[in-house]
């Protein structure tokens, strides 16, 4: 903790003209920005999505193994 933390108020972020900026809203509006690909790479998918993908892959593997066992 910095000793100056107590003295600095939690002021909202401002733009160059000094007007307050809602950064969350701004970031949500900027979905097509140049960082979208990086965000998708860095932000992990939920465990539920990964589990569903794994289950789907397992069904495909099981189907292929049945076909191989049947000689098709």
Protein backbone atom coordinates (compact mmCIF):
# COMPACT_ATOMS: atom_id res chain seq x y z
CA UNK A 1 0.00 0.00 0.00
CA UNK A 2 1.25 3.39 -0.97
CA UNK A 3 1.18 6.09 1.76
CA UNK A 4 -0.43 8.46 -0.76
CA UNK A 5 -3.36 6.09 -1.36
CA UNK A 6 -5.28 7.62 1.53
CA UNK A 7 -4.93 11.11 0.09
CA UNK A 8 -5.96 10.32 -3.50
CA UNK A 9 -9.75 10.31 -4.00
CA UNK A 10 -11.34 7.68 -6.25
CA UNK A 11 -12.09 10.05 -9.10
CA UNK A 12 -13.80 8.67 -12.23
CA UNK A 13 -11.67 8.44 -15.36
CA UNK A 14 -11.86 11.48 -17.63
CA UNK A 15 -11.15 12.14 -21.27
CA UNK A 16 -8.74 14.79 -22.60
CA UNK A 17 -11.31 17.56 -22.10
CA UNK A 18 -11.90 16.56 -18.46
CA UNK A 19 -15.36 15.04 -19.00
CA UNK A 20 -16.06 11.78 -17.12
CA UNK A 21 -15.85 8.61 -19.20
CA UNK A 22 -17.75 5.41 -18.45
CA UNK A 23 -14.94 3.02 -19.40
CA UNK A 24 -17.06 -0.13 -19.08
CA UNK A 25 -19.66 1.22 -21.45
CA UNK A 26 -16.96 2.48 -23.81
CA UNK A 27 -15.24 -0.91 -23.87
CA UNK A 28 -18.51 -2.73 -24.53
CA UNK A 29 -19.24 -0.45 -27.47
CA UNK A 30 -15.76 -1.07 -28.90
CA UNK A 31 -16.31 -4.78 -29.55
CA UNK A 32 -14.91 -4.67 -33.08
CA UNK A 33 -11.64 -3.09 -32.00
CA UNK A 34 -8.23 -4.35 -32.88
CA UNK A 35 -7.89 -6.13 -29.52
CA UNK A 36 -10.86 -8.46 -29.97
CA UNK A 37 -8.70 -11.35 -31.20
CA UNK A 38 -6.31 -10.94 -28.30
CA UNK A 39 -9.20 -10.73 -25.84
CA UNK A 40 -10.65 -13.99 -27.14
CA UNK A 41 -7.25 -15.67 -26.90
CA UNK A 42 -6.48 -14.48 -23.39
CA UNK A 43 -9.96 -14.75 -21.87
CA UNK A 44 -10.58 -18.38 -21.03
CA UNK A 45 -13.80 -20.07 -22.05
CA UNK A 46 -16.04 -21.27 -19.31
CA UNK A 47 -15.54 -24.79 -18.00
CA UNK A 48 -19.08 -25.66 -19.08
CA UNK A 49 -18.33 -24.78 -22.71
CA UNK A 50 -15.13 -26.84 -22.64
CA UNK A 51 -16.97 -29.79 -21.06
CA UNK A 52 -19.63 -29.64 -23.79
CA UNK A 53 -16.96 -29.55 -26.48
CA UNK A 54 -15.18 -32.52 -24.88
CA UNK A 55 -18.43 -34.50 -24.71
CA UNK A 56 -19.13 -33.79 -28.38
CA UNK A 57 -15.62 -34.91 -29.35
CA UNK A 58 -16.01 -38.07 -27.26
CA UNK A 59 -19.30 -38.91 -29.05
CA UNK A 60 -17.51 -38.53 -32.40
CA UNK A 61 -14.63 -40.74 -31.21
CA UNK A 62 -17.09 -43.37 -29.99
CA UNK A 63 -18.89 -43.30 -33.35
CA UNK A 64 -15.62 -43.74 -35.25
CA UNK A 65 -14.52 -46.59 -32.97
CA UNK A 66 -17.86 -48.38 -33.58
CA UNK A 67 -17.42 -48.03 -37.34
CA UNK A 68 -13.88 -49.39 -37.14
CA UNK A 69 -14.98 -52.30 -34.97
CA UNK A 70 -17.80 -53.11 -37.44
CA UNK A 71 -15.34 -52.97 -40.34
CA UNK A 72 -17.08 -50.10 -42.12
